[in-house]
């Protein structure tokens, strides 16, 4: 009779609660792997801010206004949220680009959206360069 053992931590995929990237297993985390939520010290200290939730909501709201299968650019989200902060017209929205990409990665982890490049779904943890965001197809 074979006994089923728990899968090794190396085989388990975890997503960072802050940036949405895949957390790479490290030997030093072997004893407390179940408690690991963040991929780095930077993510652990920053955590999720109210602006991050605002970016997630803006992504979902913009996608809701579009036809199924159409995409949005993260810059659209960054510009909209920057404008809502009462600072339209300047280039401050650029500072929201990486937080917008992180918000999109978290939404991918929650099965709400897909991140695409050149029309193909890509792994959000490894995507480099311009991305587009679309609603996840049901089914």
Protein backbone atom coordinates (compact mmCIF):
# COMPACT_ATOMS: atom_id res chain seq x y z
CA UNK A 1 0.00 0.00 0.00
CA UNK A 2 1.48 3.32 -0.99
CA UNK A 3 1.16 6.27 1.28
CA UNK A 4 0.38 9.63 -0.34
CA UNK A 5 2.73 12.28 0.86
CA UNK A 6 2.39 16.01 0.66
CA UNK A 7 3.83 17.50 -2.54
CA UNK A 8 7.26 18.99 -2.06
CA UNK A 9 7.40 22.78 -1.67
CA UNK A 10 9.42 23.04 -4.88
CA UNK A 11 6.40 21.74 -6.79
CA UNK A 12 3.92 24.14 -5.17
CA UNK A 13 3.26 27.41 -6.98
CA UNK A 14 2.80 30.48 -4.82
CA UNK A 15 1.98 34.00 -5.93
CA UNK A 16 3.31 37.07 -4.10
CA UNK A 17 0.47 38.92 -2.36
CA UNK A 18 2.03 42.28 -3.25
CA UNK A 19 3.49 42.14 -6.76
CA UNK A 20 1.66 39.10 -8.15
CA UNK A 21 4.82 37.37 -9.36
CA UNK A 22 5.56 33.69 -8.83
CA UNK A 23 7.46 33.07 -5.60
CA UNK A 24 10.54 30.95 -6.15
CA UNK A 25 11.07 28.28 -3.49
CA UNK A 26 14.21 28.71 -1.42
CA UNK A 27 15.87 26.16 0.82
CA UNK A 28 15.96 28.66 3.72
CA UNK A 29 12.12 28.76 3.61
CA UNK A 30 11.77 24.99 3.92
CA UNK A 31 10.54 25.08 7.53
CA UNK A 32 8.01 27.90 7.09
CA UNK A 33 7.02 27.58 3.42
CA UNK A 34 3.31 27.57 4.30
CA UNK A 35 3.66 31.02 5.89
CA UNK A 36 5.49 32.68 2.99
CA UNK A 37 3.30 35.34 1.30
CA UNK A 38 5.81 37.74 -0.29
CA UNK A 39 8.62 37.19 -2.76
CA UNK A 40 11.03 39.76 -1.34
CA UNK A 41 11.71 42.16 1.51
CA UNK A 42 10.50 45.01 -0.69
CA UNK A 43 7.10 43.38 -1.20
CA UNK A 44 6.84 42.41 2.47
CA UNK A 45 7.41 45.99 3.62
CA UNK A 46 5.23 47.61 0.95
CA UNK A 47 2.30 45.19 1.14
CA UNK A 48 -0.97 46.23 -0.56
CA UNK A 49 -1.80 49.94 -0.45
CA UNK A 50 -5.20 51.57 -1.09
CA UNK A 51 -3.88 52.81 -4.47
CA UNK A 52 -3.26 49.16 -5.43
CA UNK A 53 -6.91 48.26 -4.81
CA UNK A 54 -7.94 51.39 -6.73
CA UNK A 55 -5.84 50.23 -9.70
CA UNK A 56 -7.41 46.76 -9.59
CA UNK A 57 -10.90 48.28 -9.51
CA UNK A 58 -10.02 50.59 -12.42
CA UNK A 59 -8.77 47.66 -14.51
CA UNK A 60 -11.98 45.72 -13.94
CA UNK A 61 -14.16 48.81 -14.57
CA UNK A 62 -12.42 49.63 -17.87
CA UNK A 63 -12.72 46.02 -19.03
CA UNK A 64 -16.40 45.96 -18.08
CA UNK A 65 -17.02 48.85 -20.49
CA UNK A 66 -15.35 47.00 -23.37
CA UNK A 67 -16.63 44.19 -25.56
CA UNK A 68 -15.58 40.68 -24.59
CA UNK A 69 -12.15 39.81 -25.92
CA UNK A 70 -10.91 43.39 -26.24
CA UNK A 71 -7.90 44.55 -24.29
CA UNK A 72 -6.74 47.62 -22.43
CA UNK A 73 -3.28 49.06 -21.97
CA UNK A 74 -1.95 49.50 -18.43
CA UNK A 75 -1.27 53.16 -19.30
CA UNK A 76 -5.03 53.73 -19.71
CA UNK A 77 -5.55 52.56 -16.15
CA UNK A 78 -2.61 54.58 -14.80
CA UNK A 79 -3.84 57.75 -16.52
CA UNK A 80 -7.40 57.27 -15.27
CA UNK A 81 -6.36 56.69 -11.65
CA UNK A 82 -3.85 59.54 -11.79
CA UNK A 83 -6.65 61.81 -13.04
CA UNK A 84 -8.92 60.65 -10.20
CA UNK A 85 -6.22 61.69 -7.76
CA UNK A 86 -6.75 65.26 -8.97
CA UNK A 87 -3.56 65.59 -10.97
CA UNK A 88 -4.58 65.42 -14.63
CA UNK A 89 -2.32 66.80 -17.29
CA UNK A 90 1.13 65.99 -15.94
CA UNK A 91 3.26 62.89 -16.48
CA UNK A 92 2.84 61.61 -12.91
CA UNK A 93 0.76 58.71 -14.25
CA UNK A 94 4.01 57.07 -15.36
CA UNK A 95 4.84 56.38 -11.71
CA UNK A 96 1.70 54.24 -11.59
CA UNK A 97 2.76 51.97 -14.46
CA UNK A 98 4.57 49.31 -12.40
CA UNK A 99 1.87 49.31 -9.69
CA UNK A 100 -0.69 48.89 -12.51
CA UNK A 101 1.21 45.91 -13.91
CA UNK A 102 1.38 44.43 -10.39
CA UNK A 103 -2.39 44.94 -9.99
CA UNK A 104 -2.92 43.11 -13.29
CA UNK A 105 -0.70 40.22 -12.11
CA UNK A 106 -2.74 39.93 -8.90
CA UNK A 107 -5.93 39.84 -10.99
CA UNK A 108 -4.43 37.06 -13.12
CA UNK A 109 -3.78 35.09 -9.92
CA UNK A 110 -7.45 35.56 -8.95
CA UNK A 111 -8.55 34.28 -12.40
CA UNK A 112 -10.18 37.61 -13.35
CA UNK A 113 -7.99 38.71 -16.29
CA UNK A 114 -5.32 37.53 -18.72
CA UNK A 115 -2.16 39.36 -19.67
CA UNK A 116 -1.34 39.19 -23.36
CA UNK A 117 1.47 40.14 -25.70
CA UNK A 118 0.89 40.17 -29.45
CA UNK A 119 -2.50 38.55 -28.87
CA UNK A 120 -1.19 35.56 -26.91
CA UNK A 121 -1.63 34.92 -23.20
CA UNK A 122 1.72 35.13 -21.40
CA UNK A 123 3.02 34.27 -17.95
CA UNK A 124 2.69 37.52 -16.00
CA UNK A 125 5.75 36.75 -13.86
CA UNK A 126 8.08 36.63 -16.84
CA UNK A 127 6.46 39.01 -19.34
CA UNK A 128 8.87 41.70 -20.52
CA UNK A 129 7.90 44.73 -22.58
CA UNK A 130 4.46 46.02 -23.54
CA UNK A 131 1.47 44.07 -22.28
CA UNK A 132 -2.29 44.23 -22.73
CA UNK A 133 -4.96 43.19 -20.25
CA UNK A 134 -8.22 41.43 -21.12
CA UNK A 135 -11.08 39.82 -19.26
CA UNK A 136 -10.65 36.11 -18.70
CA UNK A 137 -12.86 34.07 -20.99
CA UNK A 138 -15.48 32.07 -19.11
CA UNK A 139 -14.91 28.41 -19.70
